[in-house]
Amino acid sequence: MIHVRAVPAADTRPLRQRVLRPHQRPDEIVLAGDDDPAARHIGAWLDGDGPCVGVGSICPDPEAPGGAVWRVRGMATDAAARGQGVGRAVLEALLAHGWASGATRIWCTARTTAAGFYLRQGFEVEGEPFELPQIGPHVVMRAPRP
């Protein structure tokens, strides 16, 4: 069974670093919006007291005035836990928080290698792929409205 709960932003960084940006130190994995008071950070566990195997964050988009646009960031699942629904459980918790907080649009940038995961969750691709230096090719994706 997958357990998800809100965690401090700092608790997401070790897994983010291992999975998403191994070339950086965990303290360098601070994303824009992490410290926004409205942000929500989610951790996932396969059992109640084991290691955290999935993380993700959502926050109001600082570039969109009014707080109605939210962004999913830093989604990461430990390689050993992939395919077990961890990412889906984290994403569902993040989206529920965003929509309940008044979001009218929720989006993310996804590595092209992860785009299939988001497509299976109902997201749609917006625009063409682009390159993030030192990270790789990405696409902008939009969450489905509930």
C-alpha atoms as a PDB file:
ATOM      1  CA  MET A   1       0.000   0.000   0.000  1.00  0.00           C
ATOM      2  CA  ILE A   2       1.244   3.495  -0.858  1.00  0.00           C
ATOM      3  CA  HIS A   3       1.139   6.141   1.857  1.00  0.00           C
ATOM      4  CA  VAL A   4       1.432   9.822   0.891  1.00  0.00           C
ATOM      5  CA  ARG A   5       1.705  12.813   3.186  1.00  0.00           C
ATOM      6  CA  ALA A   6       2.804  16.420   3.183  1.00  0.00           C
ATOM      7  CA  VAL A   7       6.488  16.912   4.002  1.00  0.00           C
ATOM      8  CA  PRO A   8       8.787  19.931   4.321  1.00  0.00           C
ATOM      9  CA  ALA A   9      10.439  21.018   1.059  1.00  0.00           C
ATOM     10  CA  ALA A  10      13.853  20.031   2.441  1.00  0.00           C
ATOM     11  CA  ASP A  11      12.675  16.411   2.764  1.00  0.00           C
ATOM     12  CA  THR A  12      12.096  16.185  -1.006  1.00  0.00           C
ATOM     13  CA  ARG A  13      15.613  17.226  -1.956  1.00  0.00           C
ATOM     14  CA  PRO A  14      17.647  14.034  -1.355  1.00  0.00           C
ATOM     15  CA  LEU A  15      15.408  11.970  -3.672  1.00  0.00           C
ATOM     16  CA  ARG A  16      15.143  14.832  -6.185  1.00  0.00           C
ATOM     17  CA  GLN A  17      18.929  14.980  -6.255  1.00  0.00           C
ATOM     18  CA  ARG A  18      19.436  11.215  -6.684  1.00  0.00           C
ATOM     19  CA  VAL A  19      16.814  10.817  -9.411  1.00  0.00           C
ATOM     20  CA  LEU A  20      16.699  14.149 -11.243  1.00  0.00           C
ATOM     21  CA  ARG A  21      19.991  15.932 -10.790  1.00  0.00           C
ATOM     22  CA  PRO A  22      22.764  13.615  -9.600  1.00  0.00           C
ATOM     23  CA  HIS A  23      25.335  16.159 -10.818  1.00  0.00           C
ATOM     24  CA  GLN A  24      24.205  18.590  -8.105  1.00  0.00           C
ATOM     25  CA  ARG A  25      24.368  18.460  -4.311  1.00  0.00           C
ATOM     26  CA  PRO A  26      21.047  18.037  -2.433  1.00  0.00           C
ATOM     27  CA  ASP A  27      21.310  21.603  -1.094  1.00  0.00           C
ATOM     28  CA  GLU A  28      21.408  22.836  -4.710  1.00  0.00           C
ATOM     29  CA  ILE A  29      18.036  21.247  -5.472  1.00  0.00           C
ATOM     30  CA  VAL A  30      15.975  24.187  -4.226  1.00  0.00           C
ATOM     31  CA  LEU A  31      13.338  24.961  -6.849  1.00  0.00           C
ATOM     32  CA  ALA A  32      11.561  28.266  -7.402  1.00  0.00           C
ATOM     33  CA  GLY A  33       8.376  28.173  -5.343  1.00  0.00           C
ATOM     34  CA  ASP A  34       9.637  25.644  -2.774  1.00  0.00           C
ATOM     35  CA  ASP A  35       9.368  28.200   0.008  1.00  0.00           C
ATOM     36  CA  ASP A  36       6.040  29.713  -1.061  1.00  0.00           C
ATOM     37  CA  PRO A  37       3.672  29.432   1.929  1.00  0.00           C
ATOM     38  CA  ALA A  38       0.976  27.988  -0.360  1.00  0.00           C
ATOM     39  CA  ALA A  39       3.281  25.291  -1.784  1.00  0.00           C
ATOM     40  CA  ARG A  40       2.647  21.648  -0.974  1.00  0.00           C
ATOM     41  CA  HIS A  41       5.360  19.000  -0.927  1.00  0.00           C
ATOM     42  CA  ILE A  42       4.370  15.345  -0.917  1.00  0.00           C
ATOM     43  CA  GLY A  43       6.365  12.275   0.039  1.00  0.00           C
ATOM     44  CA  ALA A  44       5.367   8.665  -0.597  1.00  0.00           C
ATOM     45  CA  TRP A  45       6.203   5.441   1.220  1.00  0.00           C
ATOM     46  CA  LEU A  46       5.482   1.829   0.331  1.00  0.00           C
ATOM     47  CA  ASP A  47       5.135   1.048   4.022  1.00  0.00           C
ATOM     48  CA  GLY A  48       4.676   3.261   7.029  1.00  0.00           C
ATOM     49  CA  ASP A  49       8.271   3.367   8.264  1.00  0.00           C
ATOM     50  CA  GLY A  50      10.446   2.555   5.259  1.00  0.00           C
ATOM     51  CA  PRO A  51      12.370   5.002   3.095  1.00  0.00           C
ATOM     52  CA  CYS A  52      10.624   7.734   1.141  1.00  0.00           C
ATOM     53  CA  VAL A  53      10.314   6.430  -2.443  1.00  0.00           C
ATOM     54  CA  GLY A  54       8.478   9.278  -4.178  1.00  0.00           C
ATOM     55  CA  VAL A  55       8.289  13.055  -3.953  1.00  0.00           C
ATOM     56  CA  GLY A  56       6.760  15.994  -5.750  1.00  0.00           C
ATOM     57  CA  SER A  57       5.854  19.632  -5.178  1.00  0.00           C
ATOM     58  CA  ILE A  58       3.221  22.091  -6.363  1.00  0.00           C
ATOM     59  CA  CYS A  59       3.166  25.848  -5.929  1.00  0.00           C
ATOM     60  CA  PRO A  60       1.563  28.944  -7.396  1.00  0.00           C
ATOM     61  CA  ASP A  61       3.424  29.971 -10.543  1.00  0.00           C
ATOM     62  CA  PRO A  62       5.385  33.108  -9.575  1.00  0.00           C
ATOM     63  CA  GLU A  63       5.265  34.316 -13.185  1.00  0.00           C
ATOM     64  CA  ALA A  64       1.455  34.174 -13.392  1.00  0.00           C
ATOM     65  CA  PRO A  65      -0.296  36.994 -11.498  1.00  0.00           C
ATOM     66  CA  GLY A  66      -3.226  36.250  -9.223  1.00  0.00           C
ATOM     67  CA  GLY A  67      -2.214  32.803  -7.966  1.00  0.00           C
ATOM     68  CA  ALA A  68      -4.621  30.880 -10.206  1.00  0.00           C
ATOM     69  CA  VAL A  69      -1.877  29.120 -12.179  1.00  0.00           C
ATOM     70  CA  TRP A  70       0.025  26.407 -10.324  1.00  0.00           C
ATOM     71  CA  ARG A  71       3.091  24.384 -11.281  1.00  0.00           C
ATOM     72  CA  VAL A  72       4.069  20.813 -10.446  1.00  0.00           C
ATOM     73  CA  ARG A  73       7.819  20.525  -9.803  1.00  0.00           C
ATOM     74  CA  GLY A  74      10.440  18.033  -8.712  1.00  0.00           C
ATOM     75  CA  MET A  75       8.532  14.793  -9.276  1.00  0.00           C
ATOM     76  CA  ALA A  76      10.853  11.874  -8.551  1.00  0.00           C
ATOM     77  CA  THR A  77      10.356   8.177  -7.847  1.00  0.00           C
ATOM     78  CA  ASP A  78      13.086   5.862  -6.612  1.00  0.00           C
ATOM     79  CA  ALA A  79      14.025   3.415  -9.383  1.00  0.00           C
ATOM     80  CA  ALA A  80      13.178   0.412  -7.180  1.00  0.00           C
ATOM     81  CA  ALA A  81       9.621   1.705  -6.645  1.00  0.00           C
ATOM     82  CA  ARG A  82       8.725   2.567 -10.244  1.00  0.00           C
ATOM     83  CA  GLY A  83       5.709   0.885 -11.784  1.00  0.00           C
ATOM     84  CA  GLN A  84       3.953   0.482  -8.426  1.00  0.00           C
ATOM     85  CA  GLY A  85       1.744   3.589  -8.554  1.00  0.00           C
ATOM     86  CA  VAL A  86       3.968   5.805  -6.403  1.00  0.00           C
ATOM     87  CA  GLY A  87       4.235   8.615  -8.950  1.00  0.00           C
ATOM     88  CA  ARG A  88       0.503   8.519  -9.632  1.00  0.00           C
ATOM     89  CA  ALA A  89      -0.292   8.725  -5.889  1.00  0.00           C
ATOM     90  CA  VAL A  90       2.055  11.695  -5.423  1.00  0.00           C
ATOM     91  CA  LEU A  91       0.684  13.479  -8.495  1.00  0.00           C
ATOM     92  CA  GLU A  92      -2.934  12.917  -7.430  1.00  0.00           C
ATOM     93  CA  ALA A  93      -2.200  14.472  -4.019  1.00  0.00           C
ATOM     94  CA  LEU A  94      -0.459  17.451  -5.638  1.00  0.00           C
ATOM     95  CA  LEU A  95      -3.269  18.068  -8.121  1.00  0.00           C
ATOM     96  CA  ALA A  96      -5.920  17.781  -5.409  1.00  0.00           C
ATOM     97  CA  HIS A  97      -4.104  20.464  -3.415  1.00  0.00           C
ATOM     98  CA  GLY A  98      -3.721  22.755  -6.433  1.00  0.00           C
ATOM     99  CA  TRP A  99      -7.347  22.508  -7.538  1.00  0.00           C
ATOM    100  CA  ALA A 100      -8.608  22.908  -3.940  1.00  0.00           C
ATOM    101  CA  SER A 101      -6.426  26.015  -3.612  1.00  0.00           C
ATOM    102  CA  GLY A 102      -8.185  27.713  -6.507  1.00  0.00           C
ATOM    103  CA  ALA A 103      -5.978  26.804  -9.450  1.00  0.00           C
ATOM    104  CA  THR A 104      -7.557  27.379 -12.845  1.00  0.00           C
ATOM    105  CA  ARG A 105      -4.557  25.879 -14.632  1.00  0.00           C
ATOM    106  CA  ILE A 106      -1.882  23.418 -13.475  1.00  0.00           C
ATOM    107  CA  TRP A 107       1.180  22.726 -15.585  1.00  0.00           C
ATOM    108  CA  CYS A 108       4.653  21.250 -15.466  1.00  0.00           C
ATOM    109  CA  THR A 109       7.749  20.764 -17.524  1.00  0.00           C
ATOM    110  CA  ALA A 110       8.437  17.078 -18.042  1.00  0.00           C
ATOM    111  CA  ARG A 111      11.505  15.329 -19.320  1.00  0.00           C
ATOM    112  CA  THR A 112      10.586  13.803 -22.648  1.00  0.00           C
ATOM    113  CA  THR A 113      11.413  10.413 -21.099  1.00  0.00           C
ATOM    114  CA  ALA A 114       8.707  11.031 -18.446  1.00  0.00           C
ATOM    115  CA  ALA A 115       6.069  12.542 -20.746  1.00  0.00           C
ATOM    116  CA  GLY A 116       4.351   9.166 -21.147  1.00  0.00           C
ATOM    117  CA  PHE A 117       3.692   9.039 -17.395  1.00  0.00           C
ATOM    118  CA  TYR A 118       1.949  12.423 -17.502  1.00  0.00           C
ATOM    119  CA  LEU A 119       0.019  11.518 -20.652  1.00  0.00           C
ATOM    120  CA  ARG A 120      -1.330   8.421 -18.852  1.00  0.00           C
ATOM    121  CA  GLN A 121      -2.538  10.751 -16.070  1.00  0.00           C
ATOM    122  CA  GLY A 122      -4.495  12.833 -18.602  1.00  0.00           C
ATOM    123  CA  PHE A 123      -1.978  15.646 -19.125  1.00  0.00           C
ATOM    124  CA  GLU A 124      -1.598  17.206 -22.570  1.00  0.00           C
ATOM    125  CA  VAL A 125       1.569  18.443 -24.251  1.00  0.00           C
ATOM    126  CA  GLU A 126       1.719  22.170 -25.015  1.00  0.00           C
ATOM    127  CA  GLY A 127       4.230  23.269 -27.636  1.00  0.00           C
ATOM    128  CA  GLU A 128       7.446  21.758 -28.870  1.00  0.00           C
ATOM    129  CA  PRO A 129      10.221  20.013 -26.928  1.00  0.00           C
ATOM    130  CA  PHE A 130      13.039  22.196 -25.620  1.00  0.00           C
ATOM    131  CA  GLU A 131      16.396  21.585 -23.971  1.00  0.00           C
ATOM    132  CA  LEU A 132      17.198  22.425 -20.340  1.00  0.00           C
ATOM    133  CA  PRO A 133      20.981  22.761 -20.039  1.00  0.00           C
ATOM    134  CA  GLN A 134      22.653  19.953 -18.068  1.00  0.00           C
ATOM    135  CA  ILE A 135      19.276  18.236 -17.657  1.00  0.00           C
ATOM    136  CA  GLY A 136      17.973  17.315 -21.126  1.00  0.00           C
ATOM    137  CA  PRO A 137      14.937  17.580 -23.397  1.00  0.00           C
ATOM    138  CA  HIS A 138      11.611  18.636 -21.855  1.00  0.00           C
ATOM    139  CA  VAL A 139       8.051  19.485 -22.861  1.00  0.00           C
ATOM    140  CA  VAL A 140       5.457  21.704 -21.209  1.00  0.00           C
ATOM    141  CA  MET A 141       2.387  19.739 -20.120  1.00  0.00           C
ATOM    142  CA  ARG A 142      -1.016  20.818 -18.801  1.00  0.00           C
ATOM    143  CA  ALA A 143      -3.072  18.914 -16.228  1.00  0.00           C
ATOM    144  CA  PRO A 144      -6.653  17.934 -16.983  1.00  0.00           C
ATOM    145  CA  ARG A 145      -9.347  19.890 -15.152  1.00  0.00           C
ATOM    146  CA  PRO A 146     -11.230  17.798 -12.573  1.00  0.00           C
END
